[in-house]
Amino acid sequence: MNHNDLLTDAFDRIKELVHSVLDDIPAAALTYRPDADANSIAWLVWHLTRVQDDHIAGVAGSEQVWTSDSWFERFGLPFEKSDIGYGHSSSDVAEVASSAELLREYYDAVHSKTIAYLGSIGVDDLDRIVDENWNPPVTLGTRLVSVLSDDLQHAGQASYVLGMYSRSAQA
């Protein structure tokens, strides 16, 4: 397996998990929060997609799908265009209340751009420094693993919150 296939497989697994959370989800589950300060499924999926969009655009030297394809306007959130959800307060989390369809479509657009980018990089590109604000500086390979890790954590959290919602709805 080459690096492109490995990375594509990893990002495809995130897509499968995001879709499994969003497929047939009750609308009320999207904004369900296990407690007042917990993240909702809508926020978790929006945030993981924003991080992926921001970071992949950054290393690819391209515009984010969020702005290039008018997702910012479609979501209509009260945040700056550059906001990816990092450091959001509980009240910020509550602002993200969109449909599963909108979340899925935005995620799929970002995923498609990610897969296309992954197909364009060579193995030597993985050692390219993409962020000198850290010590040691961040390579492309490290940044891609960081995005994968962040996405998997948030997709897993969304799945967990859906399970909590399902149990509370049965009670």
N, C-alpha and C. Protein backbone atom coordinates (compact mmCIF):
# COMPACT_ATOMS: atom_id res chain seq x y z
N MET A 1 0.85 -1.18 0.00
CA MET A 1 0.00 0.00 0.00
C MET A 1 0.90 1.23 0.00
N ASN A 2 0.62 2.16 -0.90
CA ASN A 2 1.41 3.39 -0.91
C ASN A 2 0.77 4.45 0.00
N HIS A 3 1.47 5.54 0.19
CA HIS A 3 1.00 6.57 1.11
C HIS A 3 -0.34 7.16 0.70
N ASN A 4 -0.59 7.34 -0.61
CA ASN A 4 -1.86 7.89 -1.06
C ASN A 4 -3.02 6.97 -0.70
N ASP A 5 -2.83 5.67 -0.92
CA ASP A 5 -3.87 4.70 -0.60
C ASP A 5 -4.13 4.63 0.90
N LEU A 6 -3.07 4.68 1.68
CA LEU A 6 -3.19 4.63 3.13
C LEU A 6 -3.97 5.84 3.66
N LEU A 7 -3.58 7.03 3.22
CA LEU A 7 -4.26 8.24 3.67
C LEU A 7 -5.70 8.29 3.18
N THR A 8 -5.93 7.88 1.94
CA THR A 8 -7.29 7.86 1.41
C THR A 8 -8.15 6.90 2.20
N ASP A 9 -7.63 5.73 2.53
CA ASP A 9 -8.38 4.77 3.33
C ASP A 9 -8.75 5.36 4.69
N ALA A 10 -7.81 6.05 5.32
CA ALA A 10 -8.08 6.65 6.63
C ALA A 10 -9.17 7.71 6.54
N PHE A 11 -9.09 8.60 5.56
CA PHE A 11 -10.12 9.63 5.42
C PHE A 11 -11.46 9.03 5.00
N ASP A 12 -11.44 7.96 4.20
CA ASP A 12 -12.69 7.27 3.84
C ASP A 12 -13.37 6.66 5.07
N ARG A 13 -12.59 6.21 6.03
CA ARG A 13 -13.17 5.66 7.26
C ARG A 13 -13.88 6.74 8.07
N ILE A 14 -13.33 7.93 8.07
CA ILE A 14 -14.01 9.05 8.74
C ILE A 14 -15.33 9.33 8.04
N LYS A 15 -15.31 9.32 6.71
CA LYS A 15 -16.55 9.56 5.96
C LYS A 15 -17.61 8.52 6.33
N GLU A 16 -17.20 7.27 6.41
CA GLU A 16 -18.15 6.22 6.78
C GLU A 16 -18.76 6.48 8.15
N LEU A 17 -17.94 6.91 9.10
CA LEU A 17 -18.43 7.17 10.45
C LEU A 17 -19.35 8.39 10.46
N VAL A 18 -18.96 9.45 9.77
CA VAL A 18 -19.83 10.64 9.70
C VAL A 18 -21.18 10.27 9.08
N HIS A 19 -21.16 9.52 8.00
CA HIS A 19 -22.42 9.12 7.37
C HIS A 19 -23.24 8.22 8.28
N SER A 20 -22.58 7.33 9.01
CA SER A 20 -23.34 6.44 9.90
C SER A 20 -24.03 7.23 11.00
N VAL A 21 -23.44 8.34 11.42
CA VAL A 21 -24.07 9.18 12.43
C VAL A 21 -25.24 9.96 11.82
N LEU A 22 -25.06 10.50 10.63
CA LEU A 22 -26.05 11.39 10.03
C LEU A 22 -27.19 10.67 9.31
N ASP A 23 -26.96 9.44 8.88
CA ASP A 23 -28.00 8.71 8.15
C ASP A 23 -29.18 8.42 9.06
N ASP A 24 -30.36 8.86 8.65
CA ASP A 24 -31.61 8.58 9.37
C ASP A 24 -31.62 9.13 10.79
N ILE A 25 -30.86 10.16 11.07
CA ILE A 25 -30.83 10.73 12.42
C ILE A 25 -32.08 11.58 12.65
N PRO A 26 -32.72 11.43 13.78
CA PRO A 26 -33.85 12.32 14.08
C PRO A 26 -33.35 13.77 14.21
N ALA A 27 -34.12 14.71 13.73
CA ALA A 27 -33.71 16.12 13.77
C ALA A 27 -33.35 16.56 15.19
N ALA A 28 -34.09 16.10 16.18
CA ALA A 28 -33.84 16.50 17.57
C ALA A 28 -32.49 15.99 18.06
N ALA A 29 -32.01 14.91 17.48
CA ALA A 29 -30.73 14.34 17.92
C ALA A 29 -29.55 15.23 17.53
N LEU A 30 -29.71 16.01 16.46
CA LEU A 30 -28.61 16.85 15.98
C LEU A 30 -28.20 17.90 17.01
N THR A 31 -29.14 18.40 17.77
CA THR A 31 -28.84 19.45 18.75
C THR A 31 -28.90 18.93 20.19
N TYR A 32 -29.10 17.65 20.36
CA TYR A 32 -29.12 17.05 21.70
C TYR A 32 -27.75 17.22 22.35
N ARG A 33 -27.78 17.60 23.62
CA ARG A 33 -26.54 17.75 24.39
C ARG A 33 -26.74 17.01 25.71
N PRO A 34 -25.87 16.06 26.02
CA PRO A 34 -26.01 15.28 27.25
C PRO A 34 -26.06 16.13 28.52
N ASP A 35 -25.40 17.30 28.48
CA ASP A 35 -25.54 18.28 29.55
C ASP A 35 -25.38 19.66 28.92
N ALA A 36 -25.57 20.69 29.71
CA ALA A 36 -25.61 22.05 29.18
C ALA A 36 -24.32 22.50 28.50
N ASP A 37 -23.20 21.91 28.84
CA ASP A 37 -21.92 22.31 28.26
C ASP A 37 -21.34 21.30 27.28
N ALA A 38 -22.08 20.26 26.98
CA ALA A 38 -21.60 19.23 26.06
C ALA A 38 -21.76 19.70 24.61
N ASN A 39 -20.97 19.11 23.73
CA ASN A 39 -21.08 19.40 22.31
C ASN A 39 -22.21 18.58 21.69
N SER A 40 -22.91 19.20 20.77
CA SER A 40 -23.98 18.50 20.04
C SER A 40 -23.40 17.78 18.82
N ILE A 41 -24.18 16.90 18.27
CA ILE A 41 -23.77 16.20 17.04
C ILE A 41 -23.57 17.19 15.91
N ALA A 42 -24.50 18.14 15.77
CA ALA A 42 -24.37 19.13 14.70
C ALA A 42 -23.07 19.90 14.84
N TRP A 43 -22.75 20.33 16.06
CA TRP A 43 -21.50 21.08 16.25
C TRP A 43 -20.29 20.19 15.98
N LEU A 44 -20.30 18.98 16.48
CA LEU A 44 -19.15 18.08 16.30
C LEU A 44 -18.87 17.81 14.82
N VAL A 45 -19.92 17.54 14.04
CA VAL A 45 -19.71 17.26 12.62
C VAL A 45 -19.31 18.53 11.89
N TRP A 46 -19.95 19.65 12.22
CA TRP A 46 -19.57 20.92 11.60
C TRP A 46 -18.10 21.24 11.91
N HIS A 47 -17.72 21.12 13.16
CA HIS A 47 -16.36 21.44 13.59
C HIS A 47 -15.32 20.53 12.92
N LEU A 48 -15.54 19.24 12.92
CA LEU A 48 -14.54 18.35 12.31
C LEU A 48 -14.40 18.64 10.82
N THR A 49 -15.50 19.01 10.19
CA THR A 49 -15.45 19.35 8.77
C THR A 49 -14.74 20.67 8.54
N ARG A 50 -14.99 21.64 9.41
CA ARG A 50 -14.31 22.94 9.30
C ARG A 50 -12.80 22.78 9.50
N VAL A 51 -12.40 21.97 10.48
CA VAL A 51 -10.97 21.76 10.71
C VAL A 51 -10.34 21.12 9.48
N GLN A 52 -10.97 20.08 8.95
CA GLN A 52 -10.43 19.41 7.77
C GLN A 52 -10.36 20.38 6.59
N ASP A 53 -11.41 21.12 6.37
CA ASP A 53 -11.45 22.09 5.27
C ASP A 53 -10.34 23.12 5.42
N ASP A 54 -10.22 23.70 6.60
CA ASP A 54 -9.20 24.72 6.87
C ASP A 54 -7.79 24.18 6.69
N HIS A 55 -7.52 23.03 7.28
CA HIS A 55 -6.15 22.50 7.27
C HIS A 55 -5.74 21.95 5.90
N ILE A 56 -6.66 21.30 5.21
CA ILE A 56 -6.32 20.79 3.87
C ILE A 56 -6.12 21.95 2.90
N ALA A 57 -7.00 22.95 2.97
CA ALA A 57 -6.82 24.13 2.11
C ALA A 57 -5.48 24.80 2.41
N GLY A 58 -5.12 24.84 3.69
CA GLY A 58 -3.86 25.46 4.09
C GLY A 58 -2.65 24.77 3.49
N VAL A 59 -2.62 23.44 3.54
CA VAL A 59 -1.45 22.73 3.00
C VAL A 59 -1.49 22.65 1.48
N ALA A 60 -2.69 22.71 0.91
CA ALA A 60 -2.82 22.65 -0.55
C ALA A 60 -2.63 24.02 -1.19
N GLY A 61 -2.67 25.07 -0.37
CA GLY A 61 -2.56 26.42 -0.92
C GLY A 61 -3.78 26.81 -1.71
N SER A 62 -4.94 26.37 -1.27
CA SER A 62 -6.18 26.65 -1.99
C SER A 62 -7.20 27.30 -1.06
N GLU A 63 -8.28 27.77 -1.63
CA GLU A 63 -9.35 28.36 -0.84
C GLU A 63 -10.17 27.25 -0.18
N GLN A 64 -10.69 27.52 0.98
CA GLN A 64 -11.54 26.55 1.66
C GLN A 64 -12.86 26.39 0.91
N VAL A 65 -13.39 25.19 0.94
CA VAL A 65 -14.71 24.91 0.38
C VAL A 65 -15.75 25.78 1.08
N TRP A 66 -15.55 26.03 2.37
CA TRP A 66 -16.46 26.84 3.20
C TRP A 66 -16.77 28.18 2.52
N THR A 67 -15.76 28.80 1.93
CA THR A 67 -15.96 30.09 1.29
C THR A 67 -16.10 29.98 -0.23
N SER A 68 -15.36 29.10 -0.85
CA SER A 68 -15.39 29.02 -2.32
C SER A 68 -16.72 28.50 -2.85
N ASP A 69 -17.41 27.67 -2.07
CA ASP A 69 -18.67 27.08 -2.52
C ASP A 69 -19.87 27.58 -1.72
N SER A 70 -19.72 28.72 -1.06
CA SER A 70 -20.81 29.40 -0.35
C SER A 70 -21.40 28.63 0.83
N TRP A 71 -20.66 27.72 1.42
CA TRP A 71 -21.18 27.00 2.59
C TRP A 71 -21.37 27.95 3.77
N PHE A 72 -20.51 28.94 3.88
CA PHE A 72 -20.64 29.93 4.95
C PHE A 72 -22.04 30.55 4.91
N GLU A 73 -22.46 30.95 3.71
CA GLU A 73 -23.79 31.55 3.56
C GLU A 73 -24.90 30.53 3.78
N ARG A 74 -24.71 29.32 3.29
CA ARG A 74 -25.75 28.28 3.43
C ARG A 74 -26.01 27.94 4.89
N PHE A 75 -24.97 27.88 5.69
CA PHE A 75 -25.14 27.56 7.10
C PHE A 75 -25.71 28.75 7.87
N GLY A 76 -25.36 29.96 7.49
CA GLY A 76 -25.89 31.14 8.14
C GLY A 76 -25.55 31.26 9.62
N LEU A 77 -24.38 30.81 10.01
CA LEU A 77 -23.99 30.86 11.42
C LEU A 77 -23.45 32.23 11.78
N PRO A 78 -23.57 32.62 13.04
CA PRO A 78 -23.15 33.96 13.47
C PRO A 78 -21.65 34.06 13.80
N PHE A 79 -20.83 33.35 13.06
CA PHE A 79 -19.40 33.33 13.31
C PHE A 79 -18.67 33.98 12.14
N GLU A 80 -17.43 34.35 12.39
CA GLU A 80 -16.57 34.85 11.31
C GLU A 80 -16.36 33.74 10.28
N LYS A 81 -16.12 34.12 9.03
CA LYS A 81 -15.89 33.13 7.98
C LYS A 81 -14.74 32.19 8.30
N SER A 82 -13.74 32.68 9.03
CA SER A 82 -12.55 31.88 9.32
C SER A 82 -12.74 30.96 10.53
N ASP A 83 -13.84 31.07 11.23
CA ASP A 83 -14.07 30.30 12.46
C ASP A 83 -14.18 28.80 12.15
N ILE A 84 -13.41 28.01 12.90
CA ILE A 84 -13.47 26.56 12.74
C ILE A 84 -14.00 25.87 14.00
N GLY A 85 -14.39 26.67 14.98
CA GLY A 85 -14.95 26.10 16.21
C GLY A 85 -13.99 25.95 17.35
N TYR A 86 -12.72 26.20 17.12
CA TYR A 86 -11.73 26.06 18.18
C TYR A 86 -12.01 27.10 19.26
N GLY A 87 -12.13 26.65 20.50
CA GLY A 87 -12.37 27.53 21.62
C GLY A 87 -13.81 28.00 21.78
N HIS A 88 -14.73 27.37 21.09
CA HIS A 88 -16.13 27.77 21.19
C HIS A 88 -16.67 27.58 22.61
N SER A 89 -17.49 28.50 23.01
CA SER A 89 -18.18 28.42 24.29
C SER A 89 -19.43 27.54 24.15
N SER A 90 -20.05 27.26 25.26
CA SER A 90 -21.28 26.48 25.24
C SER A 90 -22.36 27.19 24.42
N SER A 91 -22.44 28.50 24.53
CA SER A 91 -23.45 29.23 23.75
C SER A 91 -23.12 29.21 22.26
N ASP A 92 -21.82 29.20 21.90
CA ASP A 92 -21.43 29.07 20.50
C ASP A 92 -21.86 27.71 19.95
N VAL A 93 -21.64 26.67 20.74
CA VAL A 93 -22.03 25.31 20.32
C VAL A 93 -23.53 25.28 20.02
N ALA A 94 -24.32 25.94 20.85
CA ALA A 94 -25.77 25.95 20.67
C ALA A 94 -26.20 26.65 19.39
N GLU A 95 -25.36 27.50 18.83
CA GLU A 95 -25.69 28.21 17.58
C GLU A 95 -25.68 27.29 16.36
N VAL A 96 -24.99 26.17 16.45
CA VAL A 96 -24.88 25.27 15.29
C VAL A 96 -26.05 24.31 15.31
N ALA A 97 -27.06 24.65 14.52
CA ALA A 97 -28.28 23.86 14.46
C ALA A 97 -28.70 23.74 13.00
N SER A 98 -28.08 22.82 12.30
CA SER A 98 -28.39 22.65 10.88
C SER A 98 -28.92 21.25 10.63
N SER A 99 -29.39 21.03 9.44
CA SER A 99 -29.94 19.72 9.08
C SER A 99 -28.81 18.71 8.83
N ALA A 100 -29.18 17.45 8.94
CA ALA A 100 -28.23 16.38 8.63
C ALA A 100 -27.81 16.46 7.17
N GLU A 101 -28.75 16.81 6.31
CA GLU A 101 -28.45 16.89 4.88
C GLU A 101 -27.40 17.96 4.59
N LEU A 102 -27.54 19.14 5.21
CA LEU A 102 -26.58 20.22 5.00
C LEU A 102 -25.21 19.82 5.54
N LEU A 103 -25.18 19.24 6.72
CA LEU A 103 -23.90 18.78 7.30
C LEU A 103 -23.24 17.74 6.41
N ARG A 104 -24.03 16.77 5.92
CA ARG A 104 -23.48 15.71 5.07
C ARG A 104 -22.95 16.28 3.76
N GLU A 105 -23.71 17.18 3.15
CA GLU A 105 -23.28 17.75 1.87
C GLU A 105 -21.98 18.55 2.02
N TYR A 106 -21.89 19.33 3.08
CA TYR A 106 -20.65 20.07 3.30
C TYR A 106 -19.49 19.11 3.58
N TYR A 107 -19.74 18.13 4.44
CA TYR A 107 -18.69 17.16 4.73
C TYR A 107 -18.23 16.47 3.44
N ASP A 108 -19.17 16.02 2.62
CA ASP A 108 -18.82 15.32 1.38
C ASP A 108 -18.02 16.20 0.42
N ALA A 109 -18.35 17.48 0.37
CA ALA A 109 -17.60 18.40 -0.49
C ALA A 109 -16.15 18.53 0.01
N VAL A 110 -15.98 18.64 1.31
CA VAL A 110 -14.63 18.73 1.89
C VAL A 110 -13.89 17.41 1.69
N HIS A 111 -14.59 16.30 1.90
CA HIS A 111 -13.97 14.99 1.72
C HIS A 111 -13.47 14.82 0.27
N SER A 112 -14.29 15.20 -0.69
CA SER A 112 -13.89 15.08 -2.10
C SER A 112 -12.64 15.90 -2.39
N LYS A 113 -12.60 17.12 -1.85
CA LYS A 113 -11.42 17.97 -2.06
C LYS A 113 -10.19 17.35 -1.38
N THR A 114 -10.40 16.77 -0.20
CA THR A 114 -9.30 16.13 0.52
C THR A 114 -8.74 14.96 -0.28
N ILE A 115 -9.62 14.10 -0.77
CA ILE A 115 -9.18 12.92 -1.53
C ILE A 115 -8.44 13.34 -2.80
N ALA A 116 -8.93 14.36 -3.47
CA ALA A 116 -8.25 14.85 -4.68
C ALA A 116 -6.85 15.37 -4.32
N TYR A 117 -6.75 16.10 -3.21
CA TYR A 117 -5.45 16.60 -2.79
C TYR A 117 -4.50 15.45 -2.45
N LEU A 118 -4.99 14.47 -1.71
CA LEU A 118 -4.14 13.34 -1.32
C LEU A 118 -3.56 12.63 -2.54
N GLY A 119 -4.35 12.56 -3.61
CA GLY A 119 -3.89 11.91 -4.84
C GLY A 119 -2.81 12.69 -5.55
N SER A 120 -2.63 13.96 -5.16
CA SER A 120 -1.66 14.80 -5.85
C SER A 120 -0.30 14.87 -5.17
N ILE A 121 -0.19 14.28 -3.98
CA ILE A 121 1.08 14.43 -3.25
C ILE A 121 1.96 13.21 -3.42
N GLY A 122 3.25 13.46 -3.49
CA GLY A 122 4.23 12.40 -3.55
C GLY A 122 4.75 12.08 -2.16
N VAL A 123 5.42 10.96 -2.03
CA VAL A 123 5.92 10.54 -0.73
C VAL A 123 6.90 11.58 -0.16
N ASP A 124 7.69 12.22 -1.01
CA ASP A 124 8.63 13.24 -0.52
C ASP A 124 7.92 14.48 0.02
N ASP A 125 6.70 14.72 -0.45
CA ASP A 125 5.93 15.88 0.03
C ASP A 125 5.60 15.77 1.51
N LEU A 126 5.53 14.56 2.02
CA LEU A 126 5.15 14.37 3.43
C LEU A 126 6.16 14.99 4.39
N ASP A 127 7.38 15.19 3.95
CA ASP A 127 8.41 15.81 4.79
C ASP A 127 8.47 17.33 4.65
N ARG A 128 7.65 17.89 3.76
CA ARG A 128 7.64 19.34 3.55
C ARG A 128 7.12 20.04 4.80
N ILE A 129 7.81 21.09 5.22
CA ILE A 129 7.38 21.89 6.37
C ILE A 129 6.19 22.74 5.95
N VAL A 130 5.08 22.63 6.70
CA VAL A 130 3.87 23.39 6.37
C VAL A 130 3.52 24.41 7.45
N ASP A 131 4.17 24.34 8.60
CA ASP A 131 3.86 25.28 9.69
C ASP A 131 5.10 25.42 10.57
N GLU A 132 5.68 26.60 10.53
CA GLU A 132 6.89 26.86 11.32
C GLU A 132 6.57 27.48 12.68
N ASN A 133 5.31 27.55 13.04
CA ASN A 133 4.91 28.13 14.33
C ASN A 133 5.07 27.16 15.49
N TRP A 134 5.57 25.99 15.25
CA TRP A 134 5.75 24.97 16.28
C TRP A 134 7.21 24.56 16.34
N ASN A 135 7.61 23.98 17.45
CA ASN A 135 8.96 23.47 17.59
C ASN A 135 8.87 22.01 18.01
N PRO A 136 9.18 21.08 17.15
CA PRO A 136 9.73 21.28 15.81
C PRO A 136 8.64 21.72 14.83
N PRO A 137 9.06 22.30 13.70
CA PRO A 137 8.09 22.69 12.68
C PRO A 137 7.26 21.49 12.21
N VAL A 138 6.03 21.77 11.79
CA VAL A 138 5.08 20.73 11.40
C VAL A 138 5.27 20.38 9.93
N THR A 139 5.41 19.07 9.67
CA THR A 139 5.50 18.60 8.29
C THR A 139 4.10 18.31 7.75
N LEU A 140 4.01 18.15 6.44
CA LEU A 140 2.73 17.79 5.83
C LEU A 140 2.22 16.48 6.40
N GLY A 141 3.10 15.49 6.53
CA GLY A 141 2.68 14.20 7.08
C GLY A 141 2.10 14.34 8.48
N THR A 142 2.76 15.13 9.31
CA THR A 142 2.27 15.35 10.68
C THR A 142 0.93 16.08 10.67
N ARG A 143 0.78 17.07 9.80
CA ARG A 143 -0.48 17.82 9.73
C ARG A 143 -1.62 16.90 9.30
N LEU A 144 -1.37 16.04 8.32
CA LEU A 144 -2.43 15.12 7.86
C LEU A 144 -2.83 14.15 8.97
N VAL A 145 -1.86 13.64 9.71
CA VAL A 145 -2.17 12.74 10.83
C VAL A 145 -2.93 13.50 11.91
N SER A 146 -2.59 14.75 12.13
CA SER A 146 -3.29 15.58 13.11
C SER A 146 -4.76 15.76 12.72
N VAL A 147 -5.01 16.04 11.45
CA VAL A 147 -6.39 16.19 10.97
C VAL A 147 -7.14 14.87 11.13
N LEU A 148 -6.51 13.78 10.75
CA LEU A 148 -7.14 12.46 10.91
C LEU A 148 -7.51 12.20 12.36
N SER A 149 -6.58 12.46 13.26
CA SER A 149 -6.81 12.23 14.68
C SER A 149 -7.96 13.08 15.20
N ASP A 150 -7.95 14.36 14.88
CA ASP A 150 -9.01 15.28 15.32
C ASP A 150 -10.36 14.83 14.76
N ASP A 151 -10.41 14.52 13.48
CA ASP A 151 -11.66 14.08 12.85
C ASP A 151 -12.19 12.80 13.47
N LEU A 152 -11.32 11.83 13.68
CA LEU A 152 -11.76 10.56 14.28
C LEU A 152 -12.30 10.77 15.69
N GLN A 153 -11.63 11.60 16.47
CA GLN A 153 -12.10 11.87 17.83
C GLN A 153 -13.49 12.50 17.81
N HIS A 154 -13.68 13.50 16.97
CA HIS A 154 -14.97 14.19 16.95
C HIS A 154 -16.07 13.33 16.32
N ALA A 155 -15.75 12.56 15.32
CA ALA A 155 -16.76 11.66 14.74
C ALA A 155 -17.14 10.59 15.75
N GLY A 156 -16.18 10.08 16.50
CA GLY A 156 -16.48 9.11 17.56
C GLY A 156 -17.34 9.72 18.65
N GLN A 157 -17.05 10.98 19.00
CA GLN A 157 -17.87 11.67 20.00
C GLN A 157 -19.29 11.85 19.49
N ALA A 158 -19.45 12.20 18.22
CA ALA A 158 -20.79 12.35 17.65
C ALA A 158 -21.55 11.03 17.71
N SER A 159 -20.87 9.95 17.42
CA SER A 159 -21.49 8.63 17.48
C SER A 159 -21.92 8.30 18.92
N TYR A 160 -21.07 8.64 19.87
CA TYR A 160 -21.38 8.41 21.27
C TYR A 160 -22.59 9.24 21.72
N VAL A 161 -22.62 10.51 21.33
CA VAL A 161 -23.75 11.37 21.68
C VAL A 161 -25.04 10.84 21.06
N LEU A 162 -24.96 10.33 19.83
CA LEU A 162 -26.15 9.73 19.21
C LEU A 162 -26.63 8.53 20.02
N GLY A 163 -25.71 7.72 20.51
CA GLY A 163 -26.09 6.60 21.36
C GLY A 163 -26.76 7.06 22.63
N MET A 164 -26.24 8.13 23.23
CA MET A 164 -26.85 8.69 24.44
C MET A 164 -28.25 9.22 24.14
N TYR A 165 -28.38 9.91 23.02
CA TYR A 165 -29.70 10.43 22.62
C TYR A 165 -30.69 9.28 22.44
N SER A 166 -30.26 8.24 21.75
CA SER A 166 -31.14 7.09 21.49
C SER A 166 -31.61 6.43 22.77
N ARG A 167 -30.71 6.29 23.75
CA ARG A 167 -31.10 5.71 25.04
C ARG A 167 -32.05 6.62 25.80
N SER A 168 -31.81 7.94 25.74
CA SER A 168 -32.68 8.86 26.47
C SER A 168 -34.07 8.94 25.81
N ALA A 169 -34.12 8.77 24.49
CA ALA A 169 -35.41 8.80 23.78
C ALA A 169 -36.23 7.56 24.09
N GLN A 170 -35.57 6.46 24.44
CA GLN A 170 -36.28 5.21 24.76
C GLN A 170 -36.77 5.19 26.20
N ALA A 171 -36.18 6.04 27.04
CA ALA A 171 -36.52 6.03 28.46
C ALA A 171 -37.90 6.58 28.73
